[in-house]
Amino acid sequence: MKKLFVVALVAAAGFISTQSQASEIKLTKITAVQDSVIKTPIKLEELPDAIKTTLQSDPYKDWMPTAAFAVKKGDKQYYQVDVKKEEETKSLNFTADGKPIE
């Protein structure tokens, strides 16, 4: 009788262990789906020439670029340029052709 009780206890422990592992796998999948934006820092010199030209024109010429990023969001790619004017800062998004993205 003791052997039967021990076997049942081990089987129940194995079942509970398997169920907790399945829950962890589901959480991992959800996290991966939410993290779909890849933002890679790049040097300001590495920005496409079209973006550099746009930054030198109105209304951007008074803003000083401080950082740049190549951004991939799903199947879309664009560049984010962080700029500063006195104490004010903001992020601007551009296509590779230098066109602003709203």
PDB file of N, CA and C in Angstrom:
ATOM      1  N   MET A   1       0.817  -1.186   0.000  1.00  0.00           N
ATOM      2  CA  MET A   1       0.000   0.000   0.000  1.00  0.00           C
ATOM      3  C   MET A   1       0.866   1.257   0.000  1.00  0.00           C
ATOM      4  N   LYS A   2       2.009   1.188   0.742  1.00  0.00           N
ATOM      5  CA  LYS A   2       2.893   2.345   0.783  1.00  0.00           C
ATOM      6  C   LYS A   2       3.457   2.642  -0.602  1.00  0.00           C
ATOM      7  N   LYS A   3       3.784   1.574  -1.348  1.00  0.00           N
ATOM      8  CA  LYS A   3       4.347   1.768  -2.682  1.00  0.00           C
ATOM      9  C   LYS A   3       3.350   2.461  -3.605  1.00  0.00           C
ATOM     10  N   LEU A   4       2.108   2.105  -3.525  1.00  0.00           N
ATOM     11  CA  LEU A   4       1.079   2.728  -4.348  1.00  0.00           C
ATOM     12  C   LEU A   4       0.935   4.205  -4.013  1.00  0.00           C
ATOM     13  N   PHE A   5       0.985   4.547  -2.744  1.00  0.00           N
ATOM     14  CA  PHE A   5       0.899   5.937  -2.302  1.00  0.00           C
ATOM     15  C   PHE A   5       2.095   6.750  -2.816  1.00  0.00           C
ATOM     16  N   VAL A   6       3.284   6.184  -2.744  1.00  0.00           N
ATOM     17  CA  VAL A   6       4.500   6.862  -3.210  1.00  0.00           C
ATOM     18  C   VAL A   6       4.434   7.084  -4.720  1.00  0.00           C
ATOM     19  N   VAL A   7       3.992   6.109  -5.471  1.00  0.00           N
ATOM     20  CA  VAL A   7       3.869   6.231  -6.922  1.00  0.00           C
ATOM     21  C   VAL A   7       2.868   7.330  -7.278  1.00  0.00           C
ATOM     22  N   ALA A   8       1.746   7.387  -6.588  1.00  0.00           N
ATOM     23  CA  ALA A   8       0.737   8.416  -6.842  1.00  0.00           C
ATOM     24  C   ALA A   8       1.291   9.794  -6.524  1.00  0.00           C
ATOM     25  N   LEU A   9       2.053   9.931  -5.457  1.00  0.00           N
ATOM     26  CA  LEU A   9       2.644  11.202  -5.061  1.00  0.00           C
ATOM     27  C   LEU A   9       3.656  11.679  -6.102  1.00  0.00           C
ATOM     28  N   VAL A  10       4.504  10.782  -6.598  1.00  0.00           N
ATOM     29  CA  VAL A  10       5.495  11.127  -7.622  1.00  0.00           C
ATOM     30  C   VAL A  10       4.801  11.530  -8.921  1.00  0.00           C
ATOM     31  N   ALA A  11       3.761  10.827  -9.291  1.00  0.00           N
ATOM     32  CA  ALA A  11       3.015  11.149 -10.513  1.00  0.00           C
ATOM     33  C   ALA A  11       2.375  12.529 -10.406  1.00  0.00           C
ATOM     34  N   ALA A  12       1.806  12.848  -9.264  1.00  0.00           N
ATOM     35  CA  ALA A  12       1.183  14.159  -9.065  1.00  0.00           C
ATOM     36  C   ALA A  12       2.229  15.264  -9.122  1.00  0.00           C
ATOM     37  N   ALA A  13       3.386  15.043  -8.531  1.00  0.00           N
ATOM     38  CA  ALA A  13       4.463  16.039  -8.559  1.00  0.00           C
ATOM     39  C   ALA A  13       4.941  16.270  -9.988  1.00  0.00           C
ATOM     40  N   GLY A  14       5.055  15.220 -10.759  1.00  0.00           N
ATOM     41  CA  GLY A  14       5.464  15.347 -12.164  1.00  0.00           C
ATOM     42  C   GLY A  14       4.446  16.118 -12.971  1.00  0.00           C
ATOM     43  N   PHE A  15       3.172  15.872 -12.736  1.00  0.00           N
ATOM     44  CA  PHE A  15       2.115  16.584 -13.442  1.00  0.00           C
ATOM     45  C   PHE A  15       2.147  18.076 -13.117  1.00  0.00           C
ATOM     46  N   ILE A  16       2.300  18.420 -11.856  1.00  0.00           N
ATOM     47  CA  ILE A  16       2.353  19.824 -11.439  1.00  0.00           C
ATOM     48  C   ILE A  16       3.572  20.512 -12.040  1.00  0.00           C
ATOM     49  N   SER A  17       4.708  19.856 -12.063  1.00  0.00           N
ATOM     50  CA  SER A  17       5.934  20.411 -12.627  1.00  0.00           C
ATOM     51  C   SER A  17       5.755  20.695 -14.115  1.00  0.00           C
ATOM     52  N   THR A  18       5.146  19.780 -14.849  1.00  0.00           N
ATOM     53  CA  THR A  18       4.916  19.959 -16.276  1.00  0.00           C
ATOM     54  C   THR A  18       3.983  21.138 -16.530  1.00  0.00           C
ATOM     55  N   GLN A  19       2.958  21.300 -15.751  1.00  0.00           N
ATOM     56  CA  GLN A  19       2.012  22.395 -15.924  1.00  0.00           C
ATOM     57  C   GLN A  19       2.670  23.752 -15.672  1.00  0.00           C
ATOM     58  N   SER A  20       3.545  23.863 -14.692  1.00  0.00           N
ATOM     59  CA  SER A  20       4.191  25.143 -14.419  1.00  0.00           C
ATOM     60  C   SER A  20       5.150  25.511 -15.540  1.00  0.00           C
ATOM     61  N   GLN A  21       5.818  24.539 -16.159  1.00  0.00           N
ATOM     62  CA  GLN A  21       6.707  24.824 -17.270  1.00  0.00           C
ATOM     63  C   GLN A  21       5.917  25.308 -18.480  1.00  0.00           C
ATOM     64  N   ALA A  22       4.763  24.764 -18.736  1.00  0.00           N
ATOM     65  CA  ALA A  22       3.934  25.192 -19.852  1.00  0.00           C
ATOM     66  C   ALA A  22       3.500  26.637 -19.670  1.00  0.00           C
ATOM     67  N   SER A  23       3.204  27.059 -18.463  1.00  0.00           N
ATOM     68  CA  SER A  23       2.812  28.439 -18.204  1.00  0.00           C
ATOM     69  C   SER A  23       3.948  29.392 -18.512  1.00  0.00           C
ATOM     70  N   GLU A  24       5.160  29.031 -18.158  1.00  0.00           N
ATOM     71  CA  GLU A  24       6.313  29.887 -18.414  1.00  0.00           C
ATOM     72  C   GLU A  24       6.536  30.070 -19.908  1.00  0.00           C
ATOM     73  N   ILE A  25       6.344  29.049 -20.690  1.00  0.00           N
ATOM     74  CA  ILE A  25       6.534  29.134 -22.130  1.00  0.00           C
ATOM     75  C   ILE A  25       5.530  30.106 -22.741  1.00  0.00           C
ATOM     76  N   LYS A  26       4.301  30.076 -22.309  1.00  0.00           N
ATOM     77  CA  LYS A  26       3.286  30.989 -22.832  1.00  0.00           C
ATOM     78  C   LYS A  26       3.653  32.432 -22.535  1.00  0.00           C
ATOM     79  N   LEU A  27       4.155  32.740 -21.362  1.00  0.00           N
ATOM     80  CA  LEU A  27       4.547  34.099 -21.020  1.00  0.00           C
ATOM     81  C   LEU A  27       5.693  34.581 -21.900  1.00  0.00           C
ATOM     82  N   THR A  28       6.634  33.728 -22.200  1.00  0.00           N
ATOM     83  CA  THR A  28       7.761  34.087 -23.047  1.00  0.00           C
ATOM     84  C   THR A  28       7.294  34.465 -24.444  1.00  0.00           C
ATOM     85  N   LYS A  29       6.357  33.732 -24.991  1.00  0.00           N
ATOM     86  CA  LYS A  29       5.855  34.033 -26.324  1.00  0.00           C
ATOM     87  C   LYS A  29       5.178  35.390 -26.369  1.00  0.00           C
ATOM     88  N   ILE A  30       4.414  35.746 -25.382  1.00  0.00           N
ATOM     89  CA  ILE A  30       3.723  37.038 -25.348  1.00  0.00           C
ATOM     90  C   ILE A  30       4.735  38.176 -25.299  1.00  0.00           C
ATOM     91  N   THR A  31       5.767  38.042 -24.501  1.00  0.00           N
ATOM     92  CA  THR A  31       6.788  39.082 -24.381  1.00  0.00           C
ATOM     93  C   THR A  31       7.488  39.312 -25.714  1.00  0.00           C
ATOM     94  N   ALA A  32       7.803  38.263 -26.444  1.00  0.00           N
ATOM     95  CA  ALA A  32       8.512  38.379 -27.715  1.00  0.00           C
ATOM     96  C   ALA A  32       7.677  39.136 -28.744  1.00  0.00           C
ATOM     97  N   VAL A  33       6.389  38.961 -28.758  1.00  0.00           N
ATOM     98  CA  VAL A  33       5.520  39.632 -29.714  1.00  0.00           C
ATOM     99  C   VAL A  33       5.455  41.130 -29.435  1.00  0.00           C
ATOM    100  N   GLN A  34       5.473  41.525 -28.183  1.00  0.00           N
ATOM    101  CA  GLN A  34       5.367  42.931 -27.836  1.00  0.00           C
ATOM    102  C   GLN A  34       6.646  43.700 -28.143  1.00  0.00           C
ATOM    103  N   ASP A  35       7.782  43.030 -28.214  1.00  0.00           N
ATOM    104  CA  ASP A  35       9.066  43.685 -28.411  1.00  0.00           C
ATOM    105  C   ASP A  35       9.414  43.681 -29.890  1.00  0.00           C
ATOM    106  N   SER A  36       8.675  44.432 -30.736  1.00  0.00           N
ATOM    107  CA  SER A  36       8.878  44.393 -32.172  1.00  0.00           C
ATOM    108  C   SER A  36       9.621  45.611 -32.709  1.00  0.00           C
ATOM    109  N   VAL A  37      10.050  46.543 -31.865  1.00  0.00           N
ATOM    110  CA  VAL A  37      10.797  47.714 -32.305  1.00  0.00           C
ATOM    111  C   VAL A  37      12.271  47.505 -31.981  1.00  0.00           C
ATOM    112  N   ILE A  38      13.111  47.619 -33.025  1.00  0.00           N
ATOM    113  CA  ILE A  38      14.551  47.488 -32.839  1.00  0.00           C
ATOM    114  C   ILE A  38      15.171  48.856 -33.122  1.00  0.00           C
ATOM    115  N   LYS A  39      15.818  49.416 -32.113  1.00  0.00           N
ATOM    116  CA  LYS A  39      16.391  50.757 -32.203  1.00  0.00           C
ATOM    117  C   LYS A  39      17.905  50.630 -32.019  1.00  0.00           C
ATOM    118  N   THR A  40      18.655  50.895 -33.094  1.00  0.00           N
ATOM    119  CA  THR A  40      20.103  50.719 -33.078  1.00  0.00           C
ATOM    120  C   THR A  40      20.801  52.078 -33.129  1.00  0.00           C
ATOM    121  N   PRO A  41      21.616  52.407 -32.134  1.00  0.00           N
ATOM    122  CA  PRO A  41      22.337  53.687 -32.175  1.00  0.00           C
ATOM    123  C   PRO A  41      23.334  53.715 -33.332  1.00  0.00           C
ATOM    124  N   ILE A  42      23.425  54.863 -33.999  1.00  0.00           N
ATOM    125  CA  ILE A  42      24.409  55.059 -35.056  1.00  0.00           C
ATOM    126  C   ILE A  42      25.087  56.405 -34.834  1.00  0.00           C
ATOM    127  N   LYS A  43      26.231  56.592 -35.454  1.00  0.00           N
ATOM    128  CA  LYS A  43      26.929  57.874 -35.364  1.00  0.00           C
ATOM    129  C   LYS A  43      26.214  58.886 -36.251  1.00  0.00           C
ATOM    130  N   LEU A  44      26.265  60.161 -35.862  1.00  0.00           N
ATOM    131  CA  LEU A  44      25.611  61.203 -36.659  1.00  0.00           C
ATOM    132  C   LEU A  44      26.191  61.239 -38.072  1.00  0.00           C
ATOM    133  N   GLU A  45      27.482  60.939 -38.201  1.00  0.00           N
ATOM    134  CA  GLU A  45      28.123  60.941 -39.519  1.00  0.00           C
ATOM    135  C   GLU A  45      27.573  59.838 -40.421  1.00  0.00           C
ATOM    136  N   GLU A  46      26.985  58.807 -39.838  1.00  0.00           N
ATOM    137  CA  GLU A  46      26.460  57.676 -40.607  1.00  0.00           C
ATOM    138  C   GLU A  46      25.044  57.904 -41.135  1.00  0.00           C
ATOM    139  N   LEU A  47      24.428  59.032 -40.775  1.00  0.00           N
ATOM    140  CA  LEU A  47      23.091  59.334 -41.297  1.00  0.00           C
ATOM    141  C   LEU A  47      23.166  59.499 -42.811  1.00  0.00           C
ATOM    142  N   PRO A  48      22.129  59.109 -43.531  1.00  0.00           N
ATOM    143  CA  PRO A  48      22.108  59.338 -44.983  1.00  0.00           C
ATOM    144  C   PRO A  48      22.243  60.830 -45.302  1.00  0.00           C
ATOM    145  N   ASP A  49      22.890  61.128 -46.429  1.00  0.00           N
ATOM    146  CA  ASP A  49      23.119  62.524 -46.822  1.00  0.00           C
ATOM    147  C   ASP A  49      21.813  63.309 -46.946  1.00  0.00           C
ATOM    148  N   ALA A  50      20.750  62.645 -47.379  1.00  0.00           N
ATOM    149  CA  ALA A  50      19.459  63.326 -47.528  1.00  0.00           C
ATOM    150  C   ALA A  50      18.959  63.845 -46.174  1.00  0.00           C
ATOM    151  N   ILE A  51      19.169  63.091 -45.109  1.00  0.00           N
ATOM    152  CA  ILE A  51      18.742  63.527 -43.772  1.00  0.00           C
ATOM    153  C   ILE A  51      19.630  64.674 -43.295  1.00  0.00           C
ATOM    154  N   LYS A  52      20.923  64.591 -43.553  1.00  0.00           N
ATOM    155  CA  LYS A  52      21.833  65.674 -43.172  1.00  0.00           C
ATOM    156  C   LYS A  52      21.429  66.975 -43.854  1.00  0.00           C
ATOM    157  N   THR A  53      21.066  66.894 -45.132  1.00  0.00           N
ATOM    158  CA  THR A  53      20.620  68.079 -45.879  1.00  0.00           C
ATOM    159  C   THR A  53      19.333  68.636 -45.291  1.00  0.00           C
ATOM    160  N   THR A  54      18.391  67.764 -44.957  1.00  0.00           N
ATOM    161  CA  THR A  54      17.123  68.203 -44.360  1.00  0.00           C
ATOM    162  C   THR A  54      17.362  68.900 -43.032  1.00  0.00           C
ATOM    163  N   LEU A  55      18.282  68.371 -42.222  1.00  0.00           N
ATOM    164  CA  LEU A  55      18.567  68.976 -40.914  1.00  0.00           C
ATOM    165  C   LEU A  55      19.199  70.362 -41.035  1.00  0.00           C
ATOM    166  N   GLN A  56      19.811  70.680 -42.179  1.00  0.00           N
ATOM    167  CA  GLN A  56      20.422  71.988 -42.390  1.00  0.00           C
ATOM    168  C   GLN A  56      19.442  73.005 -42.971  1.00  0.00           C
ATOM    169  N   SER A  57      18.225  72.563 -43.295  1.00  0.00           N
ATOM    170  CA  SER A  57      17.231  73.456 -43.890  1.00  0.00           C
ATOM    171  C   SER A  57      16.210  73.900 -42.841  1.00  0.00           C
ATOM    172  N   ASP A  58      15.380  74.889 -43.233  1.00  0.00           N
ATOM    173  CA  ASP A  58      14.289  75.326 -42.349  1.00  0.00           C
ATOM    174  C   ASP A  58      13.304  74.174 -42.220  1.00  0.00           C
ATOM    175  N   PRO A  59      12.684  73.927 -41.164  1.00  0.00           N
ATOM    176  CA  PRO A  59      12.710  74.557 -39.841  1.00  0.00           C
ATOM    177  C   PRO A  59      13.695  73.893 -38.865  1.00  0.00           C
ATOM    178  N   TYR A  60      14.625  73.087 -39.383  1.00  0.00           N
ATOM    179  CA  TYR A  60      15.496  72.297 -38.508  1.00  0.00           C
ATOM    180  C   TYR A  60      16.872  72.920 -38.258  1.00  0.00           C
ATOM    181  N   LYS A  61      17.248  73.951 -39.012  1.00  0.00           N
ATOM    182  CA  LYS A  61      18.624  74.437 -38.958  1.00  0.00           C
ATOM    183  C   LYS A  61      19.038  74.995 -37.597  1.00  0.00           C
ATOM    184  N   ASP A  62      18.091  75.428 -36.760  1.00  0.00           N
ATOM    185  CA  ASP A  62      18.417  75.951 -35.432  1.00  0.00           C
ATOM    186  C   ASP A  62      18.559  74.840 -34.391  1.00  0.00           C
ATOM    187  N   TRP A  63      18.282  73.612 -34.765  1.00  0.00           N
ATOM    188  CA  TRP A  63      18.343  72.482 -33.834  1.00  0.00           C
ATOM    189  C   TRP A  63      19.669  71.745 -34.019  1.00  0.00           C
ATOM    190  N   MET A  64      20.325  71.390 -32.921  1.00  0.00           N
ATOM    191  CA  MET A  64      21.603  70.676 -32.943  1.00  0.00           C
ATOM    192  C   MET A  64      21.358  69.183 -32.737  1.00  0.00           C
ATOM    193  N   PRO A  65      21.730  68.339 -33.719  1.00  0.00           N
ATOM    194  CA  PRO A  65      21.585  66.892 -33.530  1.00  0.00           C
ATOM    195  C   PRO A  65      22.493  66.403 -32.402  1.00  0.00           C
ATOM    196  N   THR A  66      21.959  65.550 -31.522  1.00  0.00           N
ATOM    197  CA  THR A  66      22.741  65.031 -30.400  1.00  0.00           C
ATOM    198  C   THR A  66      22.918  63.514 -30.469  1.00  0.00           C
ATOM    199  N   ALA A  67      21.993  62.807 -31.110  1.00  0.00           N
ATOM    200  CA  ALA A  67      22.079  61.352 -31.218  1.00  0.00           C
ATOM    201  C   ALA A  67      21.243  60.893 -32.408  1.00  0.00           C
ATOM    202  N   ALA A  68      21.594  59.727 -32.935  1.00  0.00           N
ATOM    203  CA  ALA A  68      20.850  59.181 -34.074  1.00  0.00           C
ATOM    204  C   ALA A  68      20.660  57.675 -33.890  1.00  0.00           C
ATOM    205  N   PHE A  69      19.555  57.192 -34.435  1.00  0.00           N
ATOM    206  CA  PHE A  69      19.213  55.778 -34.312  1.00  0.00           C
ATOM    207  C   PHE A  69      18.613  55.281 -35.623  1.00  0.00           C
ATOM    208  N   ALA A  70      18.945  54.064 -36.009  1.00  0.00           N
ATOM    209  CA  ALA A  70      18.258  53.373 -37.094  1.00  0.00           C
ATOM    210  C   ALA A  70      17.167  52.548 -36.420  1.00  0.00           C
ATOM    211  N   VAL A  71      15.929  52.758 -36.831  1.00  0.00           N
ATOM    212  CA  VAL A  71      14.797  52.112 -36.173  1.00  0.00           C
ATOM    213  C   VAL A  71      14.109  51.177 -37.165  1.00  0.00           C
ATOM    214  N   LYS A  72      13.813  49.971 -36.691  1.00  0.00           N
ATOM    215  CA  LYS A  72      13.037  49.021 -37.483  1.00  0.00           C
ATOM    216  C   LYS A  72      11.818  48.648 -36.662  1.00  0.00           C
ATOM    217  N   LYS A  73      10.651  48.938 -37.199  1.00  0.00           N
ATOM    218  CA  LYS A  73       9.383  48.646 -36.531  1.00  0.00           C
ATOM    219  C   LYS A  73       8.553  47.801 -37.486  1.00  0.00           C
ATOM    220  N   GLY A  74       8.522  46.518 -37.213  1.00  0.00           N
ATOM    221  CA  GLY A  74       7.837  45.607 -38.136  1.00  0.00           C
ATOM    222  C   GLY A  74       8.589  45.574 -39.443  1.00  0.00           C
ATOM    223  N   ASP A  75       7.920  45.914 -40.549  1.00  0.00           N
ATOM    224  CA  ASP A  75       8.585  45.950 -41.848  1.00  0.00           C
ATOM    225  C   ASP A  75       8.981  47.364 -42.256  1.00  0.00           C
ATOM    226  N   LYS A  76       8.791  48.342 -41.382  1.00  0.00           N
ATOM    227  CA  LYS A  76       9.138  49.734 -41.678  1.00  0.00           C
ATOM    228  C   LYS A  76      10.500  50.076 -41.087  1.00  0.00           C
ATOM    229  N   GLN A  77      11.289  50.848 -41.848  1.00  0.00           N
ATOM    230  CA  GLN A  77      12.579  51.312 -41.368  1.00  0.00           C
ATOM    231  C   GLN A  77      12.631  52.824 -41.503  1.00  0.00           C
ATOM    232  N   TYR A  78      13.176  53.488 -40.476  1.00  0.00           N
ATOM    233  CA  TYR A  78      13.350  54.929 -40.514  1.00  0.00           C
ATOM    234  C   TYR A  78      14.468  55.324 -39.573  1.00  0.00           C
ATOM    235  N   TYR A  79      14.789  56.606 -39.548  1.00  0.00           N
ATOM    236  CA  TYR A  79      15.847  57.120 -38.685  1.00  0.00           C
ATOM    237  C   TYR A  79      15.249  58.078 -37.664  1.00  0.00           C
ATOM    238  N   GLN A  80      15.716  57.960 -36.437  1.00  0.00           N
ATOM    239  CA  GLN A  80      15.317  58.894 -35.381  1.00  0.00           C
ATOM    240  C   GLN A  80      16.536  59.739 -35.042  1.00  0.00           C
ATOM    241  N   VAL A  81      16.349  61.055 -35.039  1.00  0.00           N
ATOM    242  CA  VAL A  81      17.429  61.976 -34.696  1.00  0.00           C
ATOM    243  C   VAL A  81      16.965  62.788 -33.490  1.00  0.00           C
ATOM    244  N   ASP A  82      17.716  62.694 -32.399  1.00  0.00           N
ATOM    245  CA  ASP A  82      17.434  63.499 -31.215  1.00  0.00           C
ATOM    246  C   ASP A  82      18.139  64.839 -31.399  1.00  0.00           C
ATOM    247  N   VAL A  83      17.393  65.926 -31.196  1.00  0.00           N
ATOM    248  CA  VAL A  83      17.942  67.266 -31.406  1.00  0.00           C
ATOM    249  C   VAL A  83      17.712  68.134 -30.170  1.00  0.00           C
ATOM    250  N   LYS A  84      18.513  69.206 -30.083  1.00  0.00           N
ATOM    251  CA  LYS A  84      18.421  70.103 -28.936  1.00  0.00           C
ATOM    252  C   LYS A  84      18.534  71.542 -29.418  1.00  0.00           C
ATOM    253  N   LYS A  85      17.727  72.414 -28.813  1.00  0.00           N
ATOM    254  CA  LYS A  85      17.756  73.852 -29.095  1.00  0.00           C
ATOM    255  C   LYS A  85      17.653  74.548 -27.749  1.00  0.00           C
ATOM    256  N   GLU A  86      18.772  75.109 -27.298  1.00  0.00           N
ATOM    257  CA  GLU A  86      18.893  75.674 -25.956  1.00  0.00           C
ATOM    258  C   GLU A  86      18.562  74.601 -24.927  1.00  0.00           C
ATOM    259  N   GLU A  87      17.492  74.738 -24.162  1.00  0.00           N
ATOM    260  CA  GLU A  87      17.122  73.737 -23.153  1.00  0.00           C
ATOM    261  C   GLU A  87      16.068  72.753 -23.651  1.00  0.00           C
ATOM    262  N   GLU A  88      15.519  72.988 -24.811  1.00  0.00           N
ATOM    263  CA  GLU A  88      14.458  72.147 -25.365  1.00  0.00           C
ATOM    264  C   GLU A  88      15.046  70.989 -26.170  1.00  0.00           C
ATOM    265  N   THR A  89      14.499  69.800 -25.992  1.00  0.00           N
ATOM    266  CA  THR A  89      14.927  68.628 -26.760  1.00  0.00           C
ATOM    267  C   THR A  89      13.709  67.950 -27.371  1.00  0.00           C
ATOM    268  N   LYS A  90      13.945  67.263 -28.493  1.00  0.00           N
ATOM    269  CA  LYS A  90      12.883  66.468 -29.101  1.00  0.00           C
ATOM    270  C   LYS A  90      13.496  65.445 -30.040  1.00  0.00           C
ATOM    271  N   SER A  91      12.686  64.509 -30.468  1.00  0.00           N
ATOM    272  CA  SER A  91      13.112  63.465 -31.399  1.00  0.00           C
ATOM    273  C   SER A  91      12.389  63.659 -32.721  1.00  0.00           C
ATOM    274  N   LEU A  92      13.147  63.586 -33.798  1.00  0.00           N
ATOM    275  CA  LEU A  92      12.599  63.730 -35.145  1.00  0.00           C
ATOM    276  C   LEU A  92      12.784  62.408 -35.879  1.00  0.00           C
ATOM    277  N   ASN A  93      11.805  62.033 -36.685  1.00  0.00           N
ATOM    278  CA  ASN A  93      11.876  60.797 -37.463  1.00  0.00           C
ATOM    279  C   ASN A  93      11.895  61.129 -38.948  1.00  0.00           C
ATOM    280  N   PHE A  94      12.788  60.448 -39.687  1.00  0.00           N
ATOM    281  CA  PHE A  94      12.945  60.695 -41.111  1.00  0.00           C
ATOM    282  C   PHE A  94      13.030  59.382 -41.876  1.00  0.00           C
ATOM    283  N   THR A  95      12.567  59.417 -43.129  1.00  0.00           N
ATOM    284  CA  THR A  95      12.814  58.303 -44.033  1.00  0.00           C
ATOM    285  C   THR A  95      14.262  58.405 -44.508  1.00  0.00           C
ATOM    286  N   ALA A  96      14.760  57.396 -45.184  1.00  0.00           N
ATOM    287  CA  ALA A  96      16.136  57.440 -45.707  1.00  0.00           C
ATOM    288  C   ALA A  96      16.290  58.533 -46.749  1.00  0.00           C
ATOM    289  N   ASP A  97      15.165  58.975 -47.348  1.00  0.00           N
ATOM    290  CA  ASP A  97      15.187  60.050 -48.338  1.00  0.00           C
ATOM    291  C   ASP A  97      15.202  61.432 -47.701  1.00  0.00           C
ATOM    292  N   GLY A  98      15.188  61.509 -46.378  1.00  0.00           N
ATOM    293  CA  GLY A  98      15.211  62.796 -45.679  1.00  0.00           C
ATOM    294  C   GLY A  98      13.858  63.414 -45.465  1.00  0.00           C
ATOM    295  N   LYS A  99      12.787  62.683 -45.741  1.00  0.00           N
ATOM    296  CA  LYS A  99      11.438  63.218 -45.556  1.00  0.00           C
ATOM    297  C   LYS A  99      11.008  62.994 -44.112  1.00  0.00           C
ATOM    298  N   PRO A 100      10.474  64.047 -43.463  1.00  0.00           N
ATOM    299  CA  PRO A 100      10.009  63.898 -42.064  1.00  0.00           C
ATOM    300  C   PRO A 100       8.827  62.936 -41.961  1.00  0.00           C
ATOM    301  N   ILE A 101       8.802  62.184 -40.879  1.00  0.00           N
ATOM    302  CA  ILE A 101       7.684  61.292 -40.582  1.00  0.00           C
ATOM    303  C   ILE A 101       6.972  61.876 -39.369  1.00  0.00           C
ATOM    304  N   GLU A 102       5.691  62.070 -39.502  1.00  0.00           N
ATOM    305  CA  GLU A 102       4.905  62.632 -38.380  1.00  0.00           C
ATOM    306  C   GLU A 102       4.531  61.556 -37.405  1.00  0.00           C
TER     307      GLU A 102
END
